[in-house]
């Protein structure tokens, strides 16, 4: 969980930022999730390869 703190915090940050900028929280959350994928929030299989 410790390695997921940065991507989760970036997702929340961008979600709030885009939500406030677009005046639409639904689009802001969706854009925040997109930015979370950019920062590696959904890295499937990464942990299994490193062990």
PDB file of N, CA and C in Angstrom:
ATOM      1  N   UNK A   1       0.827  -1.202   0.000  1.00  0.00           N
ATOM      2  CA  UNK A   1       0.000   0.000   0.000  1.00  0.00           C
ATOM      3  C   UNK A   1       0.864   1.256   0.000  1.00  0.00           C
ATOM      4  N   UNK A   2       2.046   1.154   0.574  1.00  0.00           N
ATOM      5  CA  UNK A   2       2.900   2.330   0.679  1.00  0.00           C
ATOM      6  C   UNK A   2       3.317   2.860  -0.689  1.00  0.00           C
ATOM      7  N   UNK A   3       3.478   1.968  -1.665  1.00  0.00           N
ATOM      8  CA  UNK A   3       3.873   2.417  -2.994  1.00  0.00           C
ATOM      9  C   UNK A   3       2.701   2.991  -3.790  1.00  0.00           C
ATOM     10  N   UNK A   4       1.487   2.874  -3.285  1.00  0.00           N
ATOM     11  CA  UNK A   4       0.303   3.408  -3.966  1.00  0.00           C
ATOM     12  C   UNK A   4      -0.127   4.774  -3.428  1.00  0.00           C
ATOM     13  N   UNK A   5       0.588   5.319  -2.465  1.00  0.00           N
ATOM     14  CA  UNK A   5       0.188   6.594  -1.880  1.00  0.00           C
ATOM     15  C   UNK A   5       0.299   7.721  -2.905  1.00  0.00           C
ATOM     16  N   UNK A   6       1.384   7.757  -3.656  1.00  0.00           N
ATOM     17  CA  UNK A   6       1.565   8.827  -4.640  1.00  0.00           C
ATOM     18  C   UNK A   6       0.514   8.787  -5.747  1.00  0.00           C
ATOM     19  N   UNK A   7       0.275   7.638  -6.404  1.00  0.00           N
ATOM     20  CA  UNK A   7      -0.765   7.638  -7.448  1.00  0.00           C
ATOM     21  C   UNK A   7      -2.159   7.968  -6.926  1.00  0.00           C
ATOM     22  N   UNK A   8      -2.496   7.490  -5.736  1.00  0.00           N
ATOM     23  CA  UNK A   8      -3.824   7.795  -5.178  1.00  0.00           C
ATOM     24  C   UNK A   8      -3.942   9.276  -4.858  1.00  0.00           C
ATOM     25  N   UNK A   9      -2.896   9.856  -4.283  1.00  0.00           N
ATOM     26  CA  UNK A   9      -2.949  11.284  -3.962  1.00  0.00           C
ATOM     27  C   UNK A   9      -2.994  12.136  -5.226  1.00  0.00           C
ATOM     28  N   UNK A  10      -2.310  11.715  -6.287  1.00  0.00           N
ATOM     29  CA  UNK A  10      -2.366  12.452  -7.547  1.00  0.00           C
ATOM     30  C   UNK A  10      -3.754  12.336  -8.178  1.00  0.00           C
ATOM     31  N   UNK A  11      -4.398  11.180  -8.032  1.00  0.00           N
ATOM     32  CA  UNK A  11      -5.751  11.010  -8.555  1.00  0.00           C
ATOM     33  C   UNK A  11      -6.722  11.939  -7.833  1.00  0.00           C
ATOM     34  N   UNK A  12      -6.615  12.016  -6.520  1.00  0.00           N
ATOM     35  CA  UNK A  12      -7.488  12.904  -5.746  1.00  0.00           C
ATOM     36  C   UNK A  12      -7.204  14.361  -6.095  1.00  0.00           C
ATOM     37  N   UNK A  13      -5.931  14.721  -6.184  1.00  0.00           N
ATOM     38  CA  UNK A  13      -5.558  16.100  -6.506  1.00  0.00           C
ATOM     39  C   UNK A  13      -6.102  16.522  -7.862  1.00  0.00           C
ATOM     40  N   UNK A  14      -5.892  15.696  -8.887  1.00  0.00           N
ATOM     41  CA  UNK A  14      -6.366  16.047 -10.222  1.00  0.00           C
ATOM     42  C   UNK A  14      -7.889  15.989 -10.306  1.00  0.00           C
ATOM     43  N   UNK A  15      -8.518  15.091  -9.568  1.00  0.00           N
ATOM     44  CA  UNK A  15      -9.978  15.041  -9.555  1.00  0.00           C
ATOM     45  C   UNK A  15     -10.584  16.323  -9.002  1.00  0.00           C
ATOM     46  N   UNK A  16     -10.022  16.802  -7.907  1.00  0.00           N
ATOM     47  CA  UNK A  16     -10.512  18.052  -7.314  1.00  0.00           C
ATOM     48  C   UNK A  16     -10.197  19.233  -8.232  1.00  0.00           C
ATOM     49  N   UNK A  17      -8.995  19.250  -8.798  1.00  0.00           N
ATOM     50  CA  UNK A  17      -8.593  20.352  -9.677  1.00  0.00           C
ATOM     51  C   UNK A  17      -9.473  20.426 -10.915  1.00  0.00           C
ATOM     52  N   UNK A  18      -9.651  19.290 -11.592  1.00  0.00           N
ATOM     53  CA  UNK A  18     -10.486  19.294 -12.791  1.00  0.00           C
ATOM     54  C   UNK A  18     -11.946  19.531 -12.452  1.00  0.00           C
ATOM     55  N   UNK A  19     -12.404  19.020 -11.333  1.00  0.00           N
ATOM     56  CA  UNK A  19     -13.792  19.244 -10.936  1.00  0.00           C
ATOM     57  C   UNK A  19     -14.086  20.708 -10.688  1.00  0.00           C
ATOM     58  N   UNK A  20     -13.158  21.393 -10.040  1.00  0.00           N
ATOM     59  CA  UNK A  20     -13.347  22.821  -9.778  1.00  0.00           C
ATOM     60  C   UNK A  20     -13.207  23.639 -11.055  1.00  0.00           C
ATOM     61  N   UNK A  21     -12.280  23.249 -11.912  1.00  0.00           N
ATOM     62  CA  UNK A  21     -12.053  24.013 -13.134  1.00  0.00           C
ATOM     63  C   UNK A  21     -13.200  23.856 -14.133  1.00  0.00           C
ATOM     64  N   UNK A  22     -13.763  22.663 -14.224  1.00  0.00           N
ATOM     65  CA  UNK A  22     -14.826  22.408 -15.196  1.00  0.00           C
ATOM     66  C   UNK A  22     -16.213  22.679 -14.633  1.00  0.00           C
ATOM     67  N   UNK A  23     -16.306  22.958 -13.339  1.00  0.00           N
ATOM     68  CA  UNK A  23     -17.584  23.181 -12.659  1.00  0.00           C
ATOM     69  C   UNK A  23     -18.505  21.973 -12.801  1.00  0.00           C
ATOM     70  N   UNK A  24     -17.907  20.791 -12.907  1.00  0.00           N
ATOM     71  CA  UNK A  24     -18.668  19.555 -13.017  1.00  0.00           C
ATOM     72  C   UNK A  24     -17.858  18.463 -12.318  1.00  0.00           C
ATOM     73  N   UNK A  25     -18.335  18.011 -11.167  1.00  0.00           N
ATOM     74  CA  UNK A  25     -17.563  17.046 -10.375  1.00  0.00           C
ATOM     75  C   UNK A  25     -17.475  15.677 -11.025  1.00  0.00           C
ATOM     76  N   UNK A  26     -18.476  15.308 -11.830  1.00  0.00           N
ATOM     77  CA  UNK A  26     -18.431  14.009 -12.505  1.00  0.00           C
ATOM     78  C   UNK A  26     -17.285  13.966 -13.510  1.00  0.00           C
ATOM     79  N   UNK A  27     -17.161  14.987 -14.329  1.00  0.00           N
ATOM     80  CA  UNK A  27     -16.051  15.052 -15.278  1.00  0.00           C
ATOM     81  C   UNK A  27     -14.715  15.174 -14.546  1.00  0.00           C
ATOM     82  N   UNK A  28     -14.696  15.888 -13.446  1.00  0.00           N
ATOM     83  CA  UNK A  28     -13.465  16.036 -12.679  1.00  0.00           C
ATOM     84  C   UNK A  28     -12.975  14.711 -12.125  1.00  0.00           C
ATOM     85  N   UNK A  29     -13.890  13.909 -11.613  1.00  0.00           N
ATOM     86  CA  UNK A  29     -13.503  12.601 -11.075  1.00  0.00           C
ATOM     87  C   UNK A  29     -13.021  11.686 -12.201  1.00  0.00           C
ATOM     88  N   UNK A  30     -13.707  11.730 -13.336  1.00  0.00           N
ATOM     89  CA  UNK A  30     -13.280  10.908 -14.480  1.00  0.00           C
ATOM     90  C   UNK A  30     -11.902  11.325 -14.966  1.00  0.00           C
ATOM     91  N   UNK A  31     -11.659  12.616 -15.064  1.00  0.00           N
ATOM     92  CA  UNK A  31     -10.336  13.098 -15.492  1.00  0.00           C
ATOM     93  C   UNK A  31      -9.284  12.771 -14.441  1.00  0.00           C
ATOM     94  N   UNK A  32      -9.659  12.811 -13.168  1.00  0.00           N
ATOM     95  CA  UNK A  32      -8.740  12.427 -12.106  1.00  0.00           C
ATOM     96  C   UNK A  32      -8.346  10.962 -12.200  1.00  0.00           C
ATOM     97  N   UNK A  33      -9.303  10.105 -12.529  1.00  0.00           N
ATOM     98  CA  UNK A  33      -8.991   8.687 -12.722  1.00  0.00           C
ATOM     99  C   UNK A  33      -8.080   8.478 -13.929  1.00  0.00           C
ATOM    100  N   UNK A  34      -8.310   9.257 -14.973  1.00  0.00           N
ATOM    101  CA  UNK A  34      -7.420   9.170 -16.138  1.00  0.00           C
ATOM    102  C   UNK A  34      -6.001   9.584 -15.764  1.00  0.00           C
ATOM    103  N   UNK A  35      -5.867  10.633 -14.990  1.00  0.00           N
ATOM    104  CA  UNK A  35      -4.531  11.063 -14.563  1.00  0.00           C
ATOM    105  C   UNK A  35      -3.931  10.040 -13.597  1.00  0.00           C
ATOM    106  N   UNK A  36      -4.775   9.363 -12.821  1.00  0.00           N
ATOM    107  CA  UNK A  36      -4.281   8.309 -11.939  1.00  0.00           C
ATOM    108  C   UNK A  36      -3.692   7.148 -12.720  1.00  0.00           C
ATOM    109  N   UNK A  37      -4.278   6.837 -13.864  1.00  0.00           N
ATOM    110  CA  UNK A  37      -3.706   5.775 -14.694  1.00  0.00           C
ATOM    111  C   UNK A  37      -2.377   6.210 -15.286  1.00  0.00           C
ATOM    112  N   UNK A  38      -2.241   7.481 -15.583  1.00  0.00           N
ATOM    113  CA  UNK A  38      -0.972   7.991 -16.107  1.00  0.00           C
ATOM    114  C   UNK A  38       0.135   7.845 -15.063  1.00  0.00           C
ATOM    115  N   UNK A  39      -0.195   8.111 -13.806  1.00  0.00           N
ATOM    116  CA  UNK A  39       0.802   8.026 -12.742  1.00  0.00           C
ATOM    117  C   UNK A  39       0.966   6.616 -12.199  1.00  0.00           C
ATOM    118  N   UNK A  40       0.302   5.627 -12.778  1.00  0.00           N
ATOM    119  CA  UNK A  40       0.526   4.233 -12.417  1.00  0.00           C
ATOM    120  C   UNK A  40      -0.339   3.697 -11.304  1.00  0.00           C
ATOM    121  N   UNK A  41      -1.560   4.185 -11.197  1.00  0.00           N
ATOM    122  CA  UNK A  41      -2.443   3.694 -10.145  1.00  0.00           C
ATOM    123  C   UNK A  41      -2.873   2.255 -10.402  1.00  0.00           C
ATOM    124  N   UNK A  42      -3.072   1.901 -11.656  1.00  0.00           N
ATOM    125  CA  UNK A  42      -3.575   0.579 -12.004  1.00  0.00           C
ATOM    126  C   UNK A  42      -2.491  -0.270 -12.650  1.00  0.00           C
ATOM    127  N   UNK A  43      -1.349  -0.418 -12.011  1.00  0.00           N
ATOM    128  CA  UNK A  43      -0.257  -1.268 -12.523  1.00  0.00           C
ATOM    129  C   UNK A  43      -0.532  -2.712 -12.139  1.00  0.00           C
ATOM    130  N   UNK A  44      -1.213  -3.426 -12.981  1.00  0.00           N
ATOM    131  CA  UNK A  44      -1.538  -4.819 -12.710  1.00  0.00           C
ATOM    132  C   UNK A  44      -0.337  -5.694 -13.058  1.00  0.00           C
ATOM    133  N   UNK A  45       0.012  -6.593 -12.163  1.00  0.00           N
ATOM    134  CA  UNK A  45       1.076  -7.538 -12.428  1.00  0.00           C
ATOM    135  C   UNK A  45       2.470  -7.045 -12.090  1.00  0.00           C
ATOM    136  N   UNK A  46       2.622  -5.816 -11.675  1.00  0.00           N
ATOM    137  CA  UNK A  46       3.940  -5.292 -11.365  1.00  0.00           C
ATOM    138  C   UNK A  46       4.533  -5.967 -10.122  1.00  0.00           C
ATOM    139  N   UNK A  47       3.705  -6.159  -9.105  1.00  0.00           N
ATOM    140  CA  UNK A  47       4.185  -6.747  -7.857  1.00  0.00           C
ATOM    141  C   UNK A  47       4.564  -8.214  -8.020  1.00  0.00           C
ATOM    142  N   UNK A  48       3.852  -8.927  -8.871  1.00  0.00           N
ATOM    143  CA  UNK A  48       4.150 -10.342  -9.054  1.00  0.00           C
ATOM    144  C   UNK A  48       5.494 -10.543  -9.749  1.00  0.00           C
ATOM    145  N   UNK A  49       5.872  -9.644 -10.645  1.00  0.00           N
ATOM    146  CA  UNK A  49       7.132  -9.779 -11.357  1.00  0.00           C
ATOM    147  C   UNK A  49       8.339  -9.440 -10.490  1.00  0.00           C
ATOM    148  N   UNK A  50       8.138  -8.537  -9.523  1.00  0.00           N
ATOM    149  CA  UNK A  50       9.266  -8.102  -8.692  1.00  0.00           C
ATOM    150  C   UNK A  50       9.632  -9.088  -7.609  1.00  0.00           C
ATOM    151  N   UNK A  51       8.732 -10.004  -7.232  1.00  0.00           N
ATOM    152  CA  UNK A  51       9.000 -10.930  -6.126  1.00  0.00           C
ATOM    153  C   UNK A  51       9.883 -12.058  -6.528  1.00  0.00           C
TER     154      UNK A  51
END
